[in-house]
Protein backbone atom coordinates (compact mmCIF):
# COMPACT_ATOMS: atom_id res chain seq x y z
CA MET A 1 15.59 46.37 -49.92
CA GLY A 2 11.99 46.69 -48.83
CA LYS A 3 8.93 47.06 -51.26
CA PHE A 4 5.47 48.57 -51.60
CA VAL A 5 3.04 45.72 -52.88
CA ILE A 6 -0.12 47.34 -54.14
CA ARG A 7 -3.18 45.23 -54.48
CA LYS A 8 -6.94 45.36 -54.86
CA VAL A 9 -9.24 44.10 -52.04
CA ASN A 10 -12.80 43.88 -52.33
CA SER A 11 -13.55 47.48 -51.21
CA GLY A 12 -10.70 49.23 -53.11
CA ILE A 13 -6.92 49.28 -53.29
CA LYS A 14 -4.26 49.29 -50.47
CA PHE A 15 -0.45 48.83 -49.93
CA ASP A 16 1.71 46.68 -47.61
CA LEU A 17 5.17 47.75 -46.98
CA LYS A 18 7.44 44.77 -46.95
CA ALA A 19 10.73 44.12 -45.40
CA THR A 20 13.58 42.39 -47.25
CA ASN A 21 12.41 38.98 -45.90
CA GLY A 22 8.91 39.48 -47.29
CA GLN A 23 7.55 40.12 -43.87
CA VAL A 24 4.71 42.92 -43.88
CA ILE A 25 5.81 45.84 -41.55
CA ALA A 26 2.96 48.41 -42.32
CA THR A 27 -0.11 48.36 -44.18
CA SER A 28 -2.38 51.14 -45.37
CA GLU A 29 -6.05 52.09 -45.17
CA VAL A 30 -8.25 51.19 -48.18
CA TYR A 31 -8.27 53.56 -51.03
CA THR A 32 -10.75 54.14 -53.67
CA THR A 33 -8.21 54.75 -56.72
CA GLU A 34 -4.71 53.44 -57.41
CA SER A 35 -3.62 57.04 -57.66
CA ALA A 36 -4.80 57.83 -54.18
CA CYS A 37 -2.80 54.59 -52.96
CA ARG A 38 0.30 55.79 -54.70
CA ASN A 39 0.01 59.37 -53.25
CA GLY A 40 -0.41 57.24 -49.65
CA ILE A 41 3.01 55.60 -50.37
CA ALA A 42 4.52 58.75 -51.48
CA SER A 43 3.42 60.13 -47.94
CA VAL A 44 4.92 57.28 -46.11
CA GLN A 45 8.16 57.55 -47.90
CA LYS A 46 8.45 61.20 -47.02
CA ASN A 47 7.11 61.24 -43.35
CA ALA A 48 8.80 57.83 -42.15
CA VAL A 49 12.23 59.30 -42.00
CA GLU A 50 11.58 62.45 -40.13
CA ALA A 51 8.78 61.11 -37.98
CA ALA A 52 9.55 61.01 -34.16
CA VAL A 53 8.27 58.18 -32.05
CA GLU A 54 5.48 58.82 -29.30
CA ASN A 55 5.40 55.88 -27.13
CA GLN A 56 1.61 56.09 -25.60
CA THR A 57 2.40 53.11 -23.38
CA VAL A 58 4.76 54.89 -21.20
CA GLU A 59 3.05 56.81 -18.49
CA GLY A 60 3.45 60.65 -18.95
CA TYR A 61 4.70 60.29 -22.38
CA ALA A 62 5.79 63.40 -24.12
CA VAL A 63 3.49 64.27 -27.01
CA GLU A 64 5.38 64.76 -30.39
CA LYS A 65 4.54 66.77 -33.37
CA HIS A 66 3.31 65.41 -36.72
CA PRO A 67 4.69 63.52 -38.53
CA LYS A 68 5.08 60.75 -36.01
CA PHE A 69 4.89 57.15 -35.04
CA GLU A 70 2.68 56.52 -32.45
CA VAL A 71 3.14 53.33 -30.32
CA TYR A 72 -0.08 52.01 -28.18
CA THR A 73 -1.37 48.84 -26.98
CA ASP A 74 -4.70 47.38 -28.45
CA LYS A 75 -7.46 45.60 -26.82
CA ALA A 76 -5.41 42.41 -26.83
CA GLY A 77 -2.80 43.76 -25.22
CA GLU A 78 -0.40 43.72 -28.01
CA TYR A 79 1.80 46.40 -29.24
CA ARG A 80 1.16 48.52 -32.39
CA PHE A 81 2.30 51.56 -34.05
CA ARG A 82 0.48 53.99 -36.63
CA LEU A 83 2.35 56.68 -38.67
CA LYS A 84 0.54 59.91 -38.83
CA ALA A 85 1.62 62.39 -41.63
CA THR A 86 1.97 66.12 -41.02
CA ASN A 87 -1.49 66.75 -41.37
CA GLY A 88 -2.34 64.32 -38.56
CA GLN A 89 -3.86 61.47 -40.76
CA ILE A 90 -2.84 58.09 -40.43
CA ILE A 91 -1.13 56.81 -43.38
CA ALA A 92 0.25 53.48 -42.17
CA VAL A 93 -0.31 51.17 -39.39
CA SER A 94 1.32 47.76 -38.06
CA GLU A 95 0.18 44.35 -37.19
CA GLY A 96 0.14 43.42 -33.37
CA TYR A 97 3.47 42.83 -31.70
CA LYS A 98 3.82 40.82 -28.40
CA ALA A 99 6.94 42.97 -27.16
CA GLU A 100 7.28 46.48 -27.02
CA ALA A 101 10.98 46.05 -28.46
CA SER A 102 9.44 44.21 -31.52
CA CYS A 103 7.21 47.30 -32.30
CA LEU A 104 10.15 49.56 -32.03
CA ASN A 105 12.08 47.31 -34.38
CA GLY A 106 9.16 47.65 -36.68
CA ILE A 107 9.31 51.27 -37.02
CA GLU A 108 12.86 51.28 -37.30
CA SER A 109 12.51 48.83 -40.42
CA VAL A 110 9.93 51.26 -41.56
CA LYS A 111 12.34 54.26 -41.62
CA LYS A 112 14.94 52.22 -43.08
CA ASN A 113 12.80 50.51 -45.92
CA ALA A 114 10.28 53.17 -47.21
CA PRO A 115 12.17 55.96 -48.59
CA ASP A 116 13.72 53.51 -51.17
CA ALA A 117 11.39 50.87 -51.63
CA GLU A 118 10.17 49.90 -55.17
CA ILE A 119 6.44 49.96 -55.82
CA ILE A 120 5.11 46.70 -57.35
CA GLU A 121 1.55 45.85 -57.99
CA GLU A 122 0.05 42.32 -57.50
C-alpha cells in the first residue's frame, strides 16, 4: 500500500505520494500550513480515482474535463503528468519519465495507491 509523506521544506510543507516500493510517484506544491497540505492530500485521494487521462503528447488529443491527469513532455523531452482537481488547480505532479508507457504506469500507480494511502509525517 502506498503512503503520503508530509515533510517540511525551507519554504513550507509539501507531500510526496510513495508507492509500496518507496518510490515517489507524485509530489505536491509547497503549502504554507500543514492543514492546507492535508487538504491537498484529500483532494488527490478524491480526484485521482475519477480523473481521465488527457495525453497532450498525441496530435489532436481529446480535451478532457476536470479532474484529469495531463500527460506532457518537458523541455528535456521527458514525459510528465500533473493531476488537476475539478477546479482546474494542479494538485500533484510527477517526476520525468524517459518513456510514455512509464508515465502512464505512474498515473495508474497514483490511481491505485492514493485512495487508501496512509498519511505519515517525516
